[in-house]
Amino acid sequence: MDEKPKKPVRRLRKKFKVDTAMASRLKISRLERENAELREQLSGGWISPTKEFCDTKYAARMINKREQTLRNLRSTGNGPKSFNKSGSVYYLVSDLRAFIVEGKTDWRTDDS
């Protein structure tokens, strides 16, 4: 009985050392965080260079509400003070801070 010789078992070397793989993972997670920050900044709306005025998108992010919610609050007169210029709506950042401090960012029923 002729037995076929067994093929030698290959031992694959690790392509990367554990330290290199960990460093790569850390670098990737850091880059993902930076990417998320940049995406947030790009979609974050407009704020004046003096940080005194902002648009609806930025204001909504600041008070942690959706843009449409902020528009609805503005139309009913329950939102922060706003003003129009050239067809655009702007808010004073100080008015938004006052709106937050007054606690008007939570939904409340008329009974309370």
PDB file of N, CA and C in Angstrom:
ATOM      1  N   MET A   1       0.815  -1.157   0.000  1.00  0.00           N
ATOM      2  CA  MET A   1       0.000   0.000   0.000  1.00  0.00           C
ATOM      3  C   MET A   1       0.867   1.231   0.000  1.00  0.00           C
ATOM      4  N   ASP A   2       0.701   1.898  -1.092  1.00  0.00           N
ATOM      5  CA  ASP A   2       1.466   3.138  -1.215  1.00  0.00           C
ATOM      6  C   ASP A   2       0.683   4.280  -0.599  1.00  0.00           C
ATOM      7  N   GLU A   3       1.273   4.857   0.373  1.00  0.00           N
ATOM      8  CA  GLU A   3       0.644   6.042   0.960  1.00  0.00           C
ATOM      9  C   GLU A   3       1.253   7.267   0.336  1.00  0.00           C
ATOM     10  N   LYS A   4       0.374   8.194   0.000  1.00  0.00           N
ATOM     11  CA  LYS A   4       0.875   9.442  -0.567  1.00  0.00           C
ATOM     12  C   LYS A   4       1.518  10.246   0.545  1.00  0.00           C
ATOM     13  N   PRO A   5       2.618  10.851   0.220  1.00  0.00           N
ATOM     14  CA  PRO A   5       3.247  11.676   1.258  1.00  0.00           C
ATOM     15  C   PRO A   5       2.371  12.896   1.550  1.00  0.00           C
ATOM     16  N   LYS A   6       2.280  13.205   2.794  1.00  0.00           N
ATOM     17  CA  LYS A   6       1.471  14.356   3.186  1.00  0.00           C
ATOM     18  C   LYS A   6       2.199  15.635   2.824  1.00  0.00           C
ATOM     19  N   LYS A   7       1.398  16.586   2.402  1.00  0.00           N
ATOM     20  CA  LYS A   7       1.986  17.886   2.091  1.00  0.00           C
ATOM     21  C   LYS A   7       2.359  18.566   3.401  1.00  0.00           C
ATOM     22  N   PRO A   8       3.446  19.283   3.384  1.00  0.00           N
ATOM     23  CA  PRO A   8       3.824  19.975   4.620  1.00  0.00           C
ATOM     24  C   PRO A   8       2.806  21.073   4.948  1.00  0.00           C
ATOM     25  N   VAL A   9       2.529  21.220   6.202  1.00  0.00           N
ATOM     26  CA  VAL A   9       1.583  22.233   6.653  1.00  0.00           C
ATOM     27  C   VAL A   9       2.297  23.574   6.635  1.00  0.00           C
ATOM     28  N   ARG A  10       1.686  24.511   5.962  1.00  0.00           N
ATOM     29  CA  ARG A  10       2.296  25.846   5.896  1.00  0.00           C
ATOM     30  C   ARG A  10       1.922  26.634   7.132  1.00  0.00           C
ATOM     31  N   ARG A  11       2.858  27.226   7.682  1.00  0.00           N
ATOM     32  CA  ARG A  11       2.628  28.128   8.792  1.00  0.00           C
ATOM     33  C   ARG A  11       2.709  29.541   8.234  1.00  0.00           C
ATOM     34  N   LEU A  12       1.567  30.177   8.190  1.00  0.00           N
ATOM     35  CA  LEU A  12       1.543  31.540   7.662  1.00  0.00           C
ATOM     36  C   LEU A  12       2.062  32.496   8.711  1.00  0.00           C
ATOM     37  N   ARG A  13       2.949  33.326   8.272  1.00  0.00           N
ATOM     38  CA  ARG A  13       3.457  34.341   9.188  1.00  0.00           C
ATOM     39  C   ARG A  13       2.427  35.448   9.283  1.00  0.00           C
ATOM     40  N   LYS A  14       2.415  36.056  10.405  1.00  0.00           N
ATOM     41  CA  LYS A  14       1.531  37.206  10.543  1.00  0.00           C
ATOM     42  C   LYS A  14       2.082  38.309   9.663  1.00  0.00           C
ATOM     43  N   LYS A  15       1.185  38.894   8.912  1.00  0.00           N
ATOM     44  CA  LYS A  15       1.625  39.936   7.998  1.00  0.00           C
ATOM     45  C   LYS A  15       2.053  41.183   8.762  1.00  0.00           C
ATOM     46  N   PHE A  16       1.330  41.489   9.817  1.00  0.00           N
ATOM     47  CA  PHE A  16       1.658  42.655  10.625  1.00  0.00           C
ATOM     48  C   PHE A  16       1.858  42.211  12.056  1.00  0.00           C
ATOM     49  N   LYS A  17       2.697  42.909  12.713  1.00  0.00           N
ATOM     50  CA  LYS A  17       2.841  42.658  14.141  1.00  0.00           C
ATOM     51  C   LYS A  17       1.612  43.216  14.848  1.00  0.00           C
ATOM     52  N   VAL A  18       1.362  42.752  16.026  1.00  0.00           N
ATOM     53  CA  VAL A  18       0.197  43.194  16.785  1.00  0.00           C
ATOM     54  C   VAL A  18       0.273  44.691  17.045  1.00  0.00           C
ATOM     55  N   ASP A  19       1.443  45.196  17.378  1.00  0.00           N
ATOM     56  CA  ASP A  19       1.599  46.622  17.654  1.00  0.00           C
ATOM     57  C   ASP A  19       1.260  47.467  16.429  1.00  0.00           C
ATOM     58  N   THR A  20       1.688  47.023  15.265  1.00  0.00           N
ATOM     59  CA  THR A  20       1.414  47.761  14.035  1.00  0.00           C
ATOM     60  C   THR A  20      -0.082  47.763  13.738  1.00  0.00           C
ATOM     61  N   ALA A  21      -0.733  46.635  13.944  1.00  0.00           N
ATOM     62  CA  ALA A  21      -2.173  46.553  13.692  1.00  0.00           C
ATOM     63  C   ALA A  21      -2.937  47.463  14.649  1.00  0.00           C
ATOM     64  N   MET A  22      -2.545  47.481  15.904  1.00  0.00           N
ATOM     65  CA  MET A  22      -3.208  48.332  16.893  1.00  0.00           C
ATOM     66  C   MET A  22      -3.004  49.803  16.546  1.00  0.00           C
ATOM     67  N   ALA A  23      -1.797  50.159  16.148  1.00  0.00           N
ATOM     68  CA  ALA A  23      -1.517  51.544  15.767  1.00  0.00           C
ATOM     69  C   ALA A  23      -2.354  51.940  14.557  1.00  0.00           C
ATOM     70  N   SER A  24      -2.506  51.017  13.623  1.00  0.00           N
ATOM     71  CA  SER A  24      -3.317  51.300  12.436  1.00  0.00           C
ATOM     72  C   SER A  24      -4.777  51.508  12.816  1.00  0.00           C
ATOM     73  N   ARG A  25      -5.297  50.666  13.722  1.00  0.00           N
ATOM     74  CA  ARG A  25      -6.682  50.820  14.168  1.00  0.00           C
ATOM     75  C   ARG A  25      -6.895  52.156  14.862  1.00  0.00           C
ATOM     76  N   LEU A  26      -5.941  52.543  15.698  1.00  0.00           N
ATOM     77  CA  LEU A  26      -6.048  53.830  16.386  1.00  0.00           C
ATOM     78  C   LEU A  26      -6.027  54.989  15.397  1.00  0.00           C
ATOM     79  N   LYS A  27      -5.164  54.879  14.405  1.00  0.00           N
ATOM     80  CA  LYS A  27      -5.073  55.936  13.389  1.00  0.00           C
ATOM     81  C   LYS A  27      -6.379  56.024  12.595  1.00  0.00           C
ATOM     82  N   ILE A  28      -6.939  54.879  12.247  1.00  0.00           N
ATOM     83  CA  ILE A  28      -8.203  54.860  11.504  1.00  0.00           C
ATOM     84  C   ILE A  28      -9.319  55.474  12.332  1.00  0.00           C
ATOM     85  N   SER A  29      -9.403  55.127  13.611  1.00  0.00           N
ATOM     86  CA  SER A  29     -10.475  55.690  14.444  1.00  0.00           C
ATOM     87  C   SER A  29     -10.297  57.194  14.621  1.00  0.00           C
ATOM     88  N   ARG A  30      -9.049  57.665  14.727  1.00  0.00           N
ATOM     89  CA  ARG A  30      -8.800  59.104  14.832  1.00  0.00           C
ATOM     90  C   ARG A  30      -9.233  59.807  13.552  1.00  0.00           C
ATOM     91  N   LEU A  31      -8.894  59.227  12.401  1.00  0.00           N
ATOM     92  CA  LEU A  31      -9.287  59.822  11.122  1.00  0.00           C
ATOM     93  C   LEU A  31     -10.807  59.819  10.948  1.00  0.00           C
ATOM     94  N   GLU A  32     -11.468  58.770  11.416  1.00  0.00           N
ATOM     95  CA  GLU A  32     -12.934  58.730  11.338  1.00  0.00           C
ATOM     96  C   GLU A  32     -13.559  59.815  12.197  1.00  0.00           C
ATOM     97  N   ARG A  33     -12.995  60.058  13.385  1.00  0.00           N
ATOM     98  CA  ARG A  33     -13.502  61.137  14.242  1.00  0.00           C
ATOM     99  C   ARG A  33     -13.301  62.493  13.578  1.00  0.00           C
ATOM    100  N   GLU A  34     -12.114  62.715  13.005  1.00  0.00           N
ATOM    101  CA  GLU A  34     -11.855  63.986  12.324  1.00  0.00           C
ATOM    102  C   GLU A  34     -12.802  64.164  11.148  1.00  0.00           C
ATOM    103  N   ASN A  35     -13.050  63.086  10.410  1.00  0.00           N
ATOM    104  CA  ASN A  35     -13.961  63.131   9.271  1.00  0.00           C
ATOM    105  C   ASN A  35     -15.370  63.495   9.733  1.00  0.00           C
ATOM    106  N   ALA A  36     -15.815  62.899  10.834  1.00  0.00           N
ATOM    107  CA  ALA A  36     -17.148  63.207  11.366  1.00  0.00           C
ATOM    108  C   ALA A  36     -17.236  64.670  11.792  1.00  0.00           C
ATOM    109  N   GLU A  37     -16.173  65.188  12.416  1.00  0.00           N
ATOM    110  CA  GLU A  37     -16.165  66.600  12.820  1.00  0.00           C
ATOM    111  C   GLU A  37     -16.253  67.515  11.609  1.00  0.00           C
ATOM    112  N   LEU A  38     -15.491  67.199  10.561  1.00  0.00           N
ATOM    113  CA  LEU A  38     -15.511  68.026   9.355  1.00  0.00           C
ATOM    114  C   LEU A  38     -16.880  67.979   8.677  1.00  0.00           C
ATOM    115  N   ARG A  39     -17.493  66.800   8.628  1.00  0.00           N
ATOM    116  CA  ARG A  39     -18.836  66.700   8.041  1.00  0.00           C
ATOM    117  C   ARG A  39     -19.833  67.536   8.831  1.00  0.00           C
ATOM    118  N   GLU A  40     -19.710  67.504  10.143  1.00  0.00           N
ATOM    119  CA  GLU A  40     -20.609  68.285  10.993  1.00  0.00           C
ATOM    120  C   GLU A  40     -20.408  69.776  10.758  1.00  0.00           C
ATOM    121  N   GLN A  41     -19.151  70.189  10.610  1.00  0.00           N
ATOM    122  CA  GLN A  41     -18.880  71.603  10.365  1.00  0.00           C
ATOM    123  C   GLN A  41     -19.429  72.033   9.014  1.00  0.00           C
ATOM    124  N   LEU A  42     -19.315  71.167   8.008  1.00  0.00           N
ATOM    125  CA  LEU A  42     -19.810  71.517   6.680  1.00  0.00           C
ATOM    126  C   LEU A  42     -21.328  71.628   6.652  1.00  0.00           C
ATOM    127  N   SER A  43     -22.000  70.793   7.419  1.00  0.00           N
ATOM    128  CA  SER A  43     -23.461  70.817   7.404  1.00  0.00           C
ATOM    129  C   SER A  43     -24.034  71.667   8.526  1.00  0.00           C
ATOM    130  N   GLY A  44     -23.187  72.392   9.223  1.00  0.00           N
ATOM    131  CA  GLY A  44     -23.601  73.052  10.443  1.00  0.00           C
ATOM    132  C   GLY A  44     -24.243  74.402  10.308  1.00  0.00           C
ATOM    133  N   GLY A  45     -24.487  74.911   9.136  1.00  0.00           N
ATOM    134  CA  GLY A  45     -25.100  76.221   9.024  1.00  0.00           C
ATOM    135  C   GLY A  45     -24.071  77.340   9.019  1.00  0.00           C
ATOM    136  N   TRP A  46     -24.556  78.555   9.182  1.00  0.00           N
ATOM    137  CA  TRP A  46     -23.700  79.734   9.091  1.00  0.00           C
ATOM    138  C   TRP A  46     -23.703  80.488  10.405  1.00  0.00           C
ATOM    139  N   ILE A  47     -22.534  80.958  10.792  1.00  0.00           N
ATOM    140  CA  ILE A  47     -22.413  81.847  11.942  1.00  0.00           C
ATOM    141  C   ILE A  47     -21.467  82.958  11.530  1.00  0.00           C
ATOM    142  N   SER A  48     -21.766  84.179  11.955  1.00  0.00           N
ATOM    143  CA  SER A  48     -20.961  85.331  11.553  1.00  0.00           C
ATOM    144  C   SER A  48     -19.546  85.214  12.115  1.00  0.00           C
ATOM    145  N   PRO A  49     -18.582  85.887  11.478  1.00  0.00           N
ATOM    146  CA  PRO A  49     -17.201  85.840  11.975  1.00  0.00           C
ATOM    147  C   PRO A  49     -17.074  86.332  13.415  1.00  0.00           C
ATOM    148  N   THR A  50     -17.946  87.246  13.820  1.00  0.00           N
ATOM    149  CA  THR A  50     -17.898  87.744  15.199  1.00  0.00           C
ATOM    150  C   THR A  50     -18.658  86.831  16.158  1.00  0.00           C
ATOM    151  N   LYS A  51     -19.269  85.769  15.608  1.00  0.00           N
ATOM    152  CA  LYS A  51     -20.077  84.810  16.380  1.00  0.00           C
ATOM    153  C   LYS A  51     -21.244  85.485  17.096  1.00  0.00           C
ATOM    154  N   GLU A  52     -21.779  86.522  16.455  1.00  0.00           N
ATOM    155  CA  GLU A  52     -22.895  87.261  17.032  1.00  0.00           C
ATOM    156  C   GLU A  52     -24.227  86.840  16.411  1.00  0.00           C
ATOM    157  N   PHE A  53     -24.229  86.518  15.110  1.00  0.00           N
ATOM    158  CA  PHE A  53     -25.441  86.149  14.381  1.00  0.00           C
ATOM    159  C   PHE A  53     -25.283  84.748  13.800  1.00  0.00           C
ATOM    160  N   CYS A  54     -26.425  84.062  13.601  1.00  0.00           N
ATOM    161  CA  CYS A  54     -26.379  82.748  12.957  1.00  0.00           C
ATOM    162  C   CYS A  54     -27.671  82.524  12.174  1.00  0.00           C
ATOM    163  N   ASP A  55     -27.640  81.514  11.306  1.00  0.00           N
ATOM    164  CA  ASP A  55     -28.828  81.197  10.520  1.00  0.00           C
ATOM    165  C   ASP A  55     -29.672  80.133  11.230  1.00  0.00           C
ATOM    166  N   THR A  56     -30.769  79.748  10.596  1.00  0.00           N
ATOM    167  CA  THR A  56     -31.711  78.808  11.209  1.00  0.00           C
ATOM    168  C   THR A  56     -31.075  77.449  11.463  1.00  0.00           C
ATOM    169  N   LYS A  57     -30.265  76.980  10.528  1.00  0.00           N
ATOM    170  CA  LYS A  57     -29.651  75.662  10.667  1.00  0.00           C
ATOM    171  C   LYS A  57     -28.737  75.612  11.892  1.00  0.00           C
ATOM    172  N   TYR A  58     -27.898  76.623  12.036  1.00  0.00           N
ATOM    173  CA  TYR A  58     -26.986  76.681  13.179  1.00  0.00           C
ATOM    174  C   TYR A  58     -27.774  76.847  14.478  1.00  0.00           C
ATOM    175  N   ALA A  59     -28.802  77.695  14.436  1.00  0.00           N
ATOM    176  CA  ALA A  59     -29.621  77.931  15.633  1.00  0.00           C
ATOM    177  C   ALA A  59     -30.317  76.645  16.077  1.00  0.00           C
ATOM    178  N   ALA A  60     -30.823  75.878  15.122  1.00  0.00           N
ATOM    179  CA  ALA A  60     -31.497  74.623  15.456  1.00  0.00           C
ATOM    180  C   ALA A  60     -30.529  73.654  16.125  1.00  0.00           C
ATOM    181  N   ARG A  61     -29.317  73.579  15.617  1.00  0.00           N
ATOM    182  CA  ARG A  61     -28.319  72.706  16.243  1.00  0.00           C
ATOM    183  C   ARG A  61     -27.966  73.201  17.636  1.00  0.00           C
ATOM    184  N   MET A  62     -27.914  74.516  17.797  1.00  0.00           N
ATOM    185  CA  MET A  62     -27.520  75.084  19.087  1.00  0.00           C
ATOM    186  C   MET A  62     -28.546  74.780  20.176  1.00  0.00           C
ATOM    187  N   ILE A  63     -29.838  74.856  19.840  1.00  0.00           N
ATOM    188  CA  ILE A  63     -30.864  74.598  20.859  1.00  0.00           C
ATOM    189  C   ILE A  63     -31.355  73.151  20.825  1.00  0.00           C
ATOM    190  N   ASN A  64     -30.695  72.335  20.010  1.00  0.00           N
ATOM    191  CA  ASN A  64     -30.976  70.900  19.953  1.00  0.00           C
ATOM    192  C   ASN A  64     -32.403  70.601  19.494  1.00  0.00           C
ATOM    193  N   LYS A  65     -32.829  71.301  18.454  1.00  0.00           N
ATOM    194  CA  LYS A  65     -34.138  71.068  17.832  1.00  0.00           C
ATOM    195  C   LYS A  65     -33.945  70.953  16.329  1.00  0.00           C
ATOM    196  N   ARG A  66     -34.941  70.409  15.645  1.00  0.00           N
ATOM    197  CA  ARG A  66     -34.896  70.360  14.189  1.00  0.00           C
ATOM    198  C   ARG A  66     -35.188  71.741  13.625  1.00  0.00           C
ATOM    199  N   GLU A  67     -34.743  71.975  12.396  1.00  0.00           N
ATOM    200  CA  GLU A  67     -34.980  73.272  11.743  1.00  0.00           C
ATOM    201  C   GLU A  67     -36.472  73.563  11.624  1.00  0.00           C
ATOM    202  N   GLN A  68     -37.245  72.558  11.242  1.00  0.00           N
ATOM    203  CA  GLN A  68     -38.682  72.766  11.069  1.00  0.00           C
ATOM    204  C   GLN A  68     -39.340  73.120  12.394  1.00  0.00           C
ATOM    205  N   THR A  69     -38.886  72.514  13.478  1.00  0.00           N
ATOM    206  CA  THR A  69     -39.424  72.840  14.803  1.00  0.00           C
ATOM    207  C   THR A  69     -39.143  74.296  15.125  1.00  0.00           C
ATOM    208  N   LEU A  70     -37.941  74.742  14.822  1.00  0.00           N
ATOM    209  CA  LEU A  70     -37.576  76.137  15.074  1.00  0.00           C
ATOM    210  C   LEU A  70     -38.427  77.081  14.225  1.00  0.00           C
ATOM    211  N   ARG A  71     -38.697  76.704  12.976  1.00  0.00           N
ATOM    212  CA  ARG A  71     -39.566  77.523  12.117  1.00  0.00           C
ATOM    213  C   ARG A  71     -40.978  77.599  12.696  1.00  0.00           C
ATOM    214  N   ASN A  72     -41.476  76.456  13.169  1.00  0.00           N
ATOM    215  CA  ASN A  72     -42.819  76.437  13.766  1.00  0.00           C
ATOM    216  C   ASN A  72     -42.874  77.308  15.014  1.00  0.00           C
ATOM    217  N   LEU A  73     -41.863  77.211  15.862  1.00  0.00           N
ATOM    218  CA  LEU A  73     -41.817  78.047  17.067  1.00  0.00           C
ATOM    219  C   LEU A  73     -41.788  79.528  16.694  1.00  0.00           C
ATOM    220  N   ARG A  74     -41.038  79.856  15.644  1.00  0.00           N
ATOM    221  CA  ARG A  74     -40.948  81.250  15.200  1.00  0.00           C
ATOM    222  C   ARG A  74     -42.298  81.739  14.686  1.00  0.00           C
ATOM    223  N   SER A  75     -43.003  80.891  13.940  1.00  0.00           N
ATOM    224  CA  SER A  75     -44.284  81.323  13.364  1.00  0.00           C
ATOM    225  C   SER A  75     -45.363  81.497  14.428  1.00  0.00           C
ATOM    226  N   THR A  76     -45.277  80.739  15.512  1.00  0.00           N
ATOM    227  CA  THR A  76     -46.262  80.873  16.587  1.00  0.00           C
ATOM    228  C   THR A  76     -45.851  81.916  17.620  1.00  0.00           C
ATOM    229  N   GLY A  77     -44.654  82.436  17.505  1.00  0.00           N
ATOM    230  CA  GLY A  77     -44.178  83.450  18.448  1.00  0.00           C
ATOM    231  C   GLY A  77     -43.610  82.878  19.733  1.00  0.00           C
ATOM    232  N   ASN A  78     -43.403  81.570  19.780  1.00  0.00           N
ATOM    233  CA  ASN A  78     -42.874  80.931  20.983  1.00  0.00           C
ATOM    234  C   ASN A  78     -41.372  80.692  20.933  1.00  0.00           C
ATOM    235  N   GLY A  79     -40.770  80.956  19.804  1.00  0.00           N
ATOM    236  CA  GLY A  79     -39.348  80.680  19.645  1.00  0.00           C
ATOM    237  C   GLY A  79     -38.470  81.843  20.053  1.00  0.00           C
ATOM    238  N   PRO A  80     -37.165  81.690  19.871  1.00  0.00           N
ATOM    239  CA  PRO A  80     -36.252  82.789  20.178  1.00  0.00           C
ATOM    240  C   PRO A  80     -36.453  83.942  19.195  1.00  0.00           C
ATOM    241  N   LYS A  81     -36.042  85.135  19.598  1.00  0.00           N
ATOM    242  CA  LYS A  81     -36.194  86.307  18.734  1.00  0.00           C
ATOM    243  C   LYS A  81     -35.389  86.097  17.455  1.00  0.00           C
ATOM    244  N   SER A  82     -35.970  86.526  16.343  1.00  0.00           N
ATOM    245  CA  SER A  82     -35.299  86.399  15.052  1.00  0.00           C
ATOM    246  C   SER A  82     -35.546  87.660  14.240  1.00  0.00           C
ATOM    247  N   PHE A  83     -34.769  87.808  13.174  1.00  0.00           N
ATOM    248  CA  PHE A  83     -34.987  88.935  12.270  1.00  0.00           C
ATOM    249  C   PHE A  83     -34.665  88.501  10.853  1.00  0.00           C
ATOM    250  N   ASN A  84     -35.264  89.199   9.893  1.00  0.00           N
ATOM    251  CA  ASN A  84     -35.077  88.892   8.479  1.00  0.00           C
ATOM    252  C   ASN A  84     -34.185  89.941   7.838  1.00  0.00           C
ATOM    253  N   LYS A  85     -33.321  89.468   6.952  1.00  0.00           N
ATOM    254  CA  LYS A  85     -32.508  90.380   6.157  1.00  0.00           C
ATOM    255  C   LYS A  85     -32.298  89.722   4.804  1.00  0.00           C
ATOM    256  N   SER A  86     -32.686  90.411   3.764  1.00  0.00           N
ATOM    257  CA  SER A  86     -32.555  89.923   2.390  1.00  0.00           C
ATOM    258  C   SER A  86     -33.220  88.564   2.196  1.00  0.00           C
ATOM    259  N   GLY A  87     -34.358  88.361   2.824  1.00  0.00           N
ATOM    260  CA  GLY A  87     -35.095  87.121   2.647  1.00  0.00           C
ATOM    261  C   GLY A  87     -34.596  85.953   3.482  1.00  0.00           C
ATOM    262  N   SER A  88     -33.579  86.173   4.295  1.00  0.00           N
ATOM    263  CA  SER A  88     -33.058  85.109   5.157  1.00  0.00           C
ATOM    264  C   SER A  88     -33.367  85.419   6.615  1.00  0.00           C
ATOM    265  N   VAL A  89     -33.501  84.379   7.408  1.00  0.00           N
ATOM    266  CA  VAL A  89     -33.802  84.536   8.830  1.00  0.00           C
ATOM    267  C   VAL A  89     -32.513  84.356   9.617  1.00  0.00           C
ATOM    268  N   TYR A  90     -32.275  85.267  10.554  1.00  0.00           N
ATOM    269  CA  TYR A  90     -31.083  85.207  11.396  1.00  0.00           C
ATOM    270  C   TYR A  90     -31.477  85.332  12.857  1.00  0.00           C
ATOM    271  N   TYR A  91     -30.613  84.826  13.710  1.00  0.00           N
ATOM    272  CA  TYR A  91     -30.816  84.886  15.153  1.00  0.00           C
ATOM    273  C   TYR A  91     -29.576  85.473  15.797  1.00  0.00           C
ATOM    274  N   LEU A  92     -29.776  86.179  16.899  1.00  0.00           N
ATOM    275  CA  LEU A  92     -28.653  86.600  17.726  1.00  0.00           C
ATOM    276  C   LEU A  92     -28.278  85.413  18.611  1.00  0.00           C
ATOM    277  N   VAL A  93     -27.001  85.110  18.678  1.00  0.00           N
ATOM    278  CA  VAL A  93     -26.550  83.991  19.502  1.00  0.00           C
ATOM    279  C   VAL A  93     -26.895  84.246  20.969  1.00  0.00           C
ATOM    280  N   SER A  94     -26.827  85.501  21.390  1.00  0.00           N
ATOM    281  CA  SER A  94     -27.181  85.826  22.779  1.00  0.00           C
ATOM    282  C   SER A  94     -28.658  85.528  23.059  1.00  0.00           C
ATOM    283  N   ASP A  95     -29.539  85.766  22.065  1.00  0.00           N
ATOM    284  CA  ASP A  95     -30.958  85.437  22.233  1.00  0.00           C
ATOM    285  C   ASP A  95     -31.173  83.925  22.329  1.00  0.00           C
ATOM    286  N   LEU A  96     -30.386  83.162  21.567  1.00  0.00           N
ATOM    287  CA  LEU A  96     -30.493  81.704  21.636  1.00  0.00           C
ATOM    288  C   LEU A  96     -30.048  81.198  23.007  1.00  0.00           C
ATOM    289  N   ARG A  97     -28.973  81.783  23.524  1.00  0.00           N
ATOM    290  CA  ARG A  97     -28.503  81.388  24.859  1.00  0.00           C
ATOM    291  C   ARG A  97     -29.561  81.711  25.915  1.00  0.00           C
ATOM    292  N   ALA A  98     -30.189  82.882  25.788  1.00  0.00           N
ATOM    293  CA  ALA A  98     -31.247  83.257  26.732  1.00  0.00           C
ATOM    294  C   ALA A  98     -32.428  82.292  26.618  1.00  0.00           C
ATOM    295  N   PHE A  99     -32.758  81.885  25.403  1.00  0.00           N
ATOM    296  CA  PHE A  99     -33.842  80.934  25.166  1.00  0.00           C
ATOM    297  C   PHE A  99     -33.541  79.606  25.861  1.00  0.00           C
ATOM    298  N   ILE A 100     -32.282  79.179  25.807  1.00  0.00           N
ATOM    299  CA  ILE A 100     -31.876  77.933  26.465  1.00  0.00           C
ATOM    300  C   ILE A 100     -31.935  78.086  27.980  1.00  0.00           C
ATOM    301  N   VAL A 101     -31.424  79.203  28.486  1.00  0.00           N
ATOM    302  CA  VAL A 101     -31.395  79.434  29.936  1.00  0.00           C
ATOM    303  C   VAL A 101     -32.808  79.505  30.512  1.00  0.00           C
ATOM    304  N   GLU A 102     -33.726  80.100  29.763  1.00  0.00           N
ATOM    305  CA  GLU A 102     -35.115  80.200  30.224  1.00  0.00           C
ATOM    306  C   GLU A 102     -35.804  78.840  30.258  1.00  0.00           C
ATOM    307  N   GLY A 103     -35.163  77.834  29.696  1.00  0.00           N
ATOM    308  CA  GLY A 103     -35.727  76.486  29.732  1.00  0.00           C
ATOM    309  C   GLY A 103     -36.831  76.262  28.735  1.00  0.00           C
ATOM    310  N   LYS A 104     -36.860  77.033  27.669  1.00  0.00           N
ATOM    311  CA  LYS A 104     -37.936  76.895  26.687  1.00  0.00           C
ATOM    312  C   LYS A 104     -37.610  75.866  25.612  1.00  0.00           C
ATOM    313  N   THR A 105     -36.553  75.114  25.799  1.00  0.00           N
ATOM    314  CA  THR A 105     -36.207  74.117  24.791  1.00  0.00           C
ATOM    315  C   THR A 105     -36.890  72.786  25.030  1.00  0.00           C
ATOM    316  N   ASP A 106     -37.613  72.628  26.150  1.00  0.00           N
ATOM    317  CA  ASP A 106     -38.357  71.400  26.431  1.00  0.00           C
ATOM    318  C   ASP A 106     -39.809  71.590  26.029  1.00  0.00           C
ATOM    319  N   TRP A 107     -40.440  70.502  25.574  1.00  0.00           N
ATOM    320  CA  TRP A 107     -41.858  70.562  25.242  1.00  0.00           C
ATOM    321  C   TRP A 107     -42.658  70.545  26.526  1.00  0.00           C
ATOM    322  N   ARG A 108     -43.595  71.449  26.626  1.00  0.00           N
ATOM    323  CA  ARG A 108     -44.454  71.501  27.807  1.00  0.00           C
ATOM    324  C   ARG A 108     -45.900  71.595  27.348  1.00  0.00           C
ATOM    325  N   THR A 109     -46.792  70.990  28.111  1.00  0.00           N
ATOM    326  CA  THR A 109     -48.218  71.084  27.781  1.00  0.00           C
ATOM    327  C   THR A 109     -48.775  72.377  28.352  1.00  0.00           C
ATOM    328  N   ASP A 110     -49.940  72.772  27.885  1.00  0.00           N
ATOM    329  CA  ASP A 110     -50.568  74.005  28.371  1.00  0.00           C
ATOM    330  C   ASP A 110     -51.040  73.867  29.809  1.00  0.00           C
ATOM    331  N   ASP A 111     -51.239  72.623  30.278  1.00  0.00           N
ATOM    332  CA  ASP A 111     -51.728  72.387  31.635  1.00  0.00           C
ATOM    333  C   ASP A 111     -50.665  72.652  32.691  1.00  0.00           C
ATOM    334  N   SER A 112     -49.386  72.530  32.319  1.00  0.00           N
ATOM    335  CA  SER A 112     -48.331  72.660  33.327  1.00  0.00           C
ATOM    336  C   SER A 112     -47.865  74.065  33.535  1.00  0.00           C
TER     337      SER A 112
END
